[in-house]
Amino acid sequence: MTTSRKILVIDDEADICDLLKLLLERSGHKVVWTTDARAALHLLEEQAFDVVITDMLMPDRDGLEVMADVRRHFPQVRIIAASGGGRVSSDSYLHIAKRSGADAVLSKPFTHKELLASIENAFQTPAPQPQGTTADVGHAR
């Protein structure tokens, strides 16, 4: 059984946001979406989310900028980068996203099964630790 997650979807196409909301809510998740990548940060400040699904190519901010903001301010939130390509293939964008800290990637178009699998995959590794924290190991007595 899939764990219910609270998910923020960020995509400049409202139709895609609506579709993702429908698919994810049918699977038991709670979903908030925005077509404004700049507004996404405010939503993250106001509500606790488990996952952010962000498009990589948007007019106001790109997915890498969104990912950097999420990692900096909300390191416990898992990030899924999605792309249908642009001037280069979606694989290129998603490769960059994965190297830049995405917990999972989705190549558009994707299936409902791939969408749900990406959410589960995002939780397969431990959450990144906030920058500036150190492990409580090796301290002098």
C-alpha atoms as a PDB file:
ATOM      1  CA  MET A   1       0.000   0.000   0.000  1.00  0.00           C
ATOM      2  CA  THR A   2       1.241   3.466  -0.911  1.00  0.00           C
ATOM      3  CA  THR A   3       1.822   6.004   1.827  1.00  0.00           C
ATOM      4  CA  SER A   4      -0.284   9.139   1.476  1.00  0.00           C
ATOM      5  CA  ARG A   5       1.882  12.195   0.804  1.00  0.00           C
ATOM      6  CA  LYS A   6       1.222  15.921   0.566  1.00  0.00           C
ATOM      7  CA  ILE A   7       2.492  17.007  -2.835  1.00  0.00           C
ATOM      8  CA  LEU A   8       3.130  20.397  -4.417  1.00  0.00           C
ATOM      9  CA  VAL A   9       2.986  20.324  -8.227  1.00  0.00           C
ATOM     10  CA  ILE A  10       4.696  23.177 -10.092  1.00  0.00           C
ATOM     11  CA  ASP A  11       4.125  23.374 -13.835  1.00  0.00           C
ATOM     12  CA  ASP A  12       3.423  26.336 -16.098  1.00  0.00           C
ATOM     13  CA  GLU A  13       0.620  24.381 -17.810  1.00  0.00           C
ATOM     14  CA  ALA A  14      -2.579  24.354 -15.733  1.00  0.00           C
ATOM     15  CA  ASP A  15      -3.922  21.332 -17.643  1.00  0.00           C
ATOM     16  CA  ILE A  16      -0.942  19.257 -16.546  1.00  0.00           C
ATOM     17  CA  CYS A  17      -1.372  20.443 -12.955  1.00  0.00           C
ATOM     18  CA  ASP A  18      -5.062  19.486 -13.024  1.00  0.00           C
ATOM     19  CA  LEU A  19      -4.301  16.062 -14.460  1.00  0.00           C
ATOM     20  CA  LEU A  20      -1.562  15.353 -11.912  1.00  0.00           C
ATOM     21  CA  LYS A  21      -3.851  16.484  -9.085  1.00  0.00           C
ATOM     22  CA  LEU A  22      -6.578  14.129 -10.295  1.00  0.00           C
ATOM     23  CA  LEU A  23      -4.249  11.147 -10.691  1.00  0.00           C
ATOM     24  CA  LEU A  24      -2.469  11.700  -7.385  1.00  0.00           C
ATOM     25  CA  GLU A  25      -5.646  12.303  -5.373  1.00  0.00           C
ATOM     26  CA  ARG A  26      -7.136   9.090  -6.791  1.00  0.00           C
ATOM     27  CA  SER A  27      -4.107   7.352  -5.300  1.00  0.00           C
ATOM     28  CA  GLY A  28      -4.716   8.895  -1.869  1.00  0.00           C
ATOM     29  CA  HIS A  29      -2.322  11.827  -1.964  1.00  0.00           C
ATOM     30  CA  LYS A  30      -3.145  15.429  -1.059  1.00  0.00           C
ATOM     31  CA  VAL A  31      -2.189  17.834  -3.835  1.00  0.00           C
ATOM     32  CA  VAL A  32      -1.724  21.592  -4.174  1.00  0.00           C
ATOM     33  CA  TRP A  33      -0.571  23.036  -7.480  1.00  0.00           C
ATOM     34  CA  THR A  34       0.634  26.271  -8.964  1.00  0.00           C
ATOM     35  CA  THR A  35       1.613  27.464 -12.427  1.00  0.00           C
ATOM     36  CA  ASP A  36       3.812  30.151 -10.860  1.00  0.00           C
ATOM     37  CA  ALA A  37       7.228  28.877  -9.792  1.00  0.00           C
ATOM     38  CA  ARG A  38       7.819  32.011  -7.726  1.00  0.00           C
ATOM     39  CA  ALA A  39       4.582  31.429  -5.780  1.00  0.00           C
ATOM     40  CA  ALA A  40       5.697  27.875  -5.021  1.00  0.00           C
ATOM     41  CA  LEU A  41       8.179  29.081  -2.399  1.00  0.00           C
ATOM     42  CA  HIS A  42       5.398  30.945  -0.584  1.00  0.00           C
ATOM     43  CA  LEU A  43       3.253  27.806  -0.615  1.00  0.00           C
ATOM     44  CA  LEU A  44       6.155  25.861   0.875  1.00  0.00           C
ATOM     45  CA  GLU A  45       6.515  28.480   3.612  1.00  0.00           C
ATOM     46  CA  GLU A  46       2.790  28.314   4.446  1.00  0.00           C
ATOM     47  CA  GLN A  47       2.236  24.541   4.300  1.00  0.00           C
ATOM     48  CA  ALA A  48       4.243  21.404   4.979  1.00  0.00           C
ATOM     49  CA  PHE A  49       4.813  19.245   1.894  1.00  0.00           C
ATOM     50  CA  ASP A  50       6.442  15.840   1.533  1.00  0.00           C
ATOM     51  CA  VAL A  51       7.136  16.119  -2.189  1.00  0.00           C
ATOM     52  CA  VAL A  52       7.583  18.784  -4.857  1.00  0.00           C
ATOM     53  CA  ILE A  53       7.053  17.770  -8.470  1.00  0.00           C
ATOM     54  CA  THR A  54       8.507  20.506 -10.644  1.00  0.00           C
ATOM     55  CA  ASP A  55       8.640  21.006 -14.373  1.00  0.00           C
ATOM     56  CA  MET A  56      12.138  21.839 -15.557  1.00  0.00           C
ATOM     57  CA  LEU A  57      11.199  24.424 -18.196  1.00  0.00           C
ATOM     58  CA  MET A  58       8.966  27.280 -17.086  1.00  0.00           C
ATOM     59  CA  PRO A  59       8.880  30.913 -18.176  1.00  0.00           C
ATOM     60  CA  ASP A  60       9.267  32.612 -14.775  1.00  0.00           C
ATOM     61  CA  ARG A  61      11.885  30.292 -13.219  1.00  0.00           C
ATOM     62  CA  ASP A  62      13.387  27.032 -14.320  1.00  0.00           C
ATOM     63  CA  GLY A  63      13.231  23.801 -12.373  1.00  0.00           C
ATOM     64  CA  LEU A  64      16.867  24.052 -11.284  1.00  0.00           C
ATOM     65  CA  GLU A  65      16.129  27.362  -9.539  1.00  0.00           C
ATOM     66  CA  VAL A  66      13.084  25.817  -7.874  1.00  0.00           C
ATOM     67  CA  MET A  67      15.145  22.827  -6.779  1.00  0.00           C
ATOM     68  CA  ALA A  68      17.868  25.058  -5.327  1.00  0.00           C
ATOM     69  CA  ASP A  69      15.296  27.024  -3.308  1.00  0.00           C
ATOM     70  CA  VAL A  70      13.646  23.854  -2.013  1.00  0.00           C
ATOM     71  CA  ARG A  71      16.992  22.303  -1.027  1.00  0.00           C
ATOM     72  CA  ARG A  72      18.142  25.492   0.681  1.00  0.00           C
ATOM     73  CA  HIS A  73      14.969  26.239   2.656  1.00  0.00           C
ATOM     74  CA  PHE A  74      13.163  22.880   2.904  1.00  0.00           C
ATOM     75  CA  PRO A  75      15.816  20.137   2.738  1.00  0.00           C
ATOM     76  CA  GLN A  76      13.460  17.435   4.031  1.00  0.00           C
ATOM     77  CA  VAL A  77      11.109  17.845   1.041  1.00  0.00           C
ATOM     78  CA  ARG A  78      11.670  15.305  -1.739  1.00  0.00           C
ATOM     79  CA  ILE A  79      12.021  16.665  -5.264  1.00  0.00           C
ATOM     80  CA  ILE A  80      10.829  15.056  -8.477  1.00  0.00           C
ATOM     81  CA  ALA A  81      11.915  16.812 -11.677  1.00  0.00           C
ATOM     82  CA  ALA A  82       9.757  16.395 -14.783  1.00  0.00           C
ATOM     83  CA  SER A  83      10.558  17.396 -18.351  1.00  0.00           C
ATOM     84  CA  GLY A  84       9.254  16.921 -21.841  1.00  0.00           C
ATOM     85  CA  GLY A  85      12.346  18.476 -23.356  1.00  0.00           C
ATOM     86  CA  GLY A  86      12.884  21.763 -25.062  1.00  0.00           C
ATOM     87  CA  ARG A  87      15.870  22.890 -27.068  1.00  0.00           C
ATOM     88  CA  VAL A  88      17.567  19.673 -25.954  1.00  0.00           C
ATOM     89  CA  SER A  89      16.104  16.299 -25.047  1.00  0.00           C
ATOM     90  CA  SER A  90      14.207  15.735 -21.816  1.00  0.00           C
ATOM     91  CA  ASP A  91      16.893  13.172 -20.873  1.00  0.00           C
ATOM     92  CA  SER A  92      19.505  15.958 -20.869  1.00  0.00           C
ATOM     93  CA  TYR A  93      17.406  18.169 -18.594  1.00  0.00           C
ATOM     94  CA  LEU A  94      16.610  15.268 -16.295  1.00  0.00           C
ATOM     95  CA  HIS A  95      20.244  14.183 -16.129  1.00  0.00           C
ATOM     96  CA  ILE A  96      21.168  17.702 -14.997  1.00  0.00           C
ATOM     97  CA  ALA A  97      18.280  17.666 -12.499  1.00  0.00           C
ATOM     98  CA  LYS A  98      19.409  14.343 -11.019  1.00  0.00           C
ATOM     99  CA  ARG A  99      22.984  15.626 -10.680  1.00  0.00           C
ATOM    100  CA  SER A 100      21.604  18.806  -9.091  1.00  0.00           C
ATOM    101  CA  GLY A 101      19.771  17.003  -6.323  1.00  0.00           C
ATOM    102  CA  ALA A 102      16.442  15.691  -7.653  1.00  0.00           C
ATOM    103  CA  ASP A 103      15.383  12.612  -5.719  1.00  0.00           C
ATOM    104  CA  ALA A 104      13.637  11.214  -8.810  1.00  0.00           C
ATOM    105  CA  VAL A 105      12.965  12.250 -12.404  1.00  0.00           C
ATOM    106  CA  LEU A 106      10.057  11.833 -14.829  1.00  0.00           C
ATOM    107  CA  SER A 107      10.225  12.115 -18.594  1.00  0.00           C
ATOM    108  CA  LYS A 108       7.026  13.517 -20.125  1.00  0.00           C
ATOM    109  CA  PRO A 109       4.787  11.963 -21.167  1.00  0.00           C
ATOM    110  CA  PHE A 110       4.686   9.473 -18.294  1.00  0.00           C
ATOM    111  CA  THR A 111       2.164   6.927 -17.102  1.00  0.00           C
ATOM    112  CA  HIS A 112       0.205   6.934 -13.853  1.00  0.00           C
ATOM    113  CA  LYS A 113       2.298   3.960 -12.749  1.00  0.00           C
ATOM    114  CA  GLU A 114       5.556   5.817 -13.509  1.00  0.00           C
ATOM    115  CA  LEU A 115       4.291   8.856 -11.596  1.00  0.00           C
ATOM    116  CA  LEU A 116       3.510   6.808  -8.488  1.00  0.00           C
ATOM    117  CA  ALA A 117       6.794   4.888  -8.779  1.00  0.00           C
ATOM    118  CA  SER A 118       8.751   8.162  -8.920  1.00  0.00           C
ATOM    119  CA  ILE A 119       7.174   9.254  -5.639  1.00  0.00           C
ATOM    120  CA  GLU A 120       8.137   6.000  -3.957  1.00  0.00           C
ATOM    121  CA  ASN A 121      11.633   6.167  -5.495  1.00  0.00           C
ATOM    122  CA  ALA A 122      12.122   9.651  -4.085  1.00  0.00           C
ATOM    123  CA  PHE A 123      11.857   8.177  -0.588  1.00  0.00           C
ATOM    124  CA  GLN A 124      14.320   5.316  -1.154  1.00  0.00           C
ATOM    125  CA  THR A 125      17.304   7.347   0.033  1.00  0.00           C
ATOM    126  CA  PRO A 126      17.624   9.313   3.276  1.00  0.00           C
ATOM    127  CA  ALA A 127      16.531  12.948   3.155  1.00  0.00           C
ATOM    128  CA  PRO A 128      19.364  15.430   2.710  1.00  0.00           C
ATOM    129  CA  GLN A 129      20.518  17.006   5.949  1.00  0.00           C
ATOM    130  CA  PRO A 130      20.204  20.775   6.325  1.00  0.00           C
ATOM    131  CA  GLN A 131      23.451  22.517   5.458  1.00  0.00           C
ATOM    132  CA  GLY A 132      25.525  23.464   8.465  1.00  0.00           C
ATOM    133  CA  THR A 133      24.573  20.468  10.603  1.00  0.00           C
ATOM    134  CA  THR A 134      27.149  18.030  11.827  1.00  0.00           C
ATOM    135  CA  ALA A 135      26.844  14.564  13.189  1.00  0.00           C
ATOM    136  CA  ASP A 136      27.292  14.156  16.916  1.00  0.00           C
ATOM    137  CA  VAL A 137      30.364  11.984  16.450  1.00  0.00           C
ATOM    138  CA  GLY A 138      33.856  12.426  17.793  1.00  0.00           C
ATOM    139  CA  HIS A 139      33.170  15.262  20.210  1.00  0.00           C
ATOM    140  CA  ALA A 140      35.629  15.615  23.058  1.00  0.00           C
ATOM    141  CA  ARG A 141      34.462  14.601  26.509  1.00  0.00           C
END
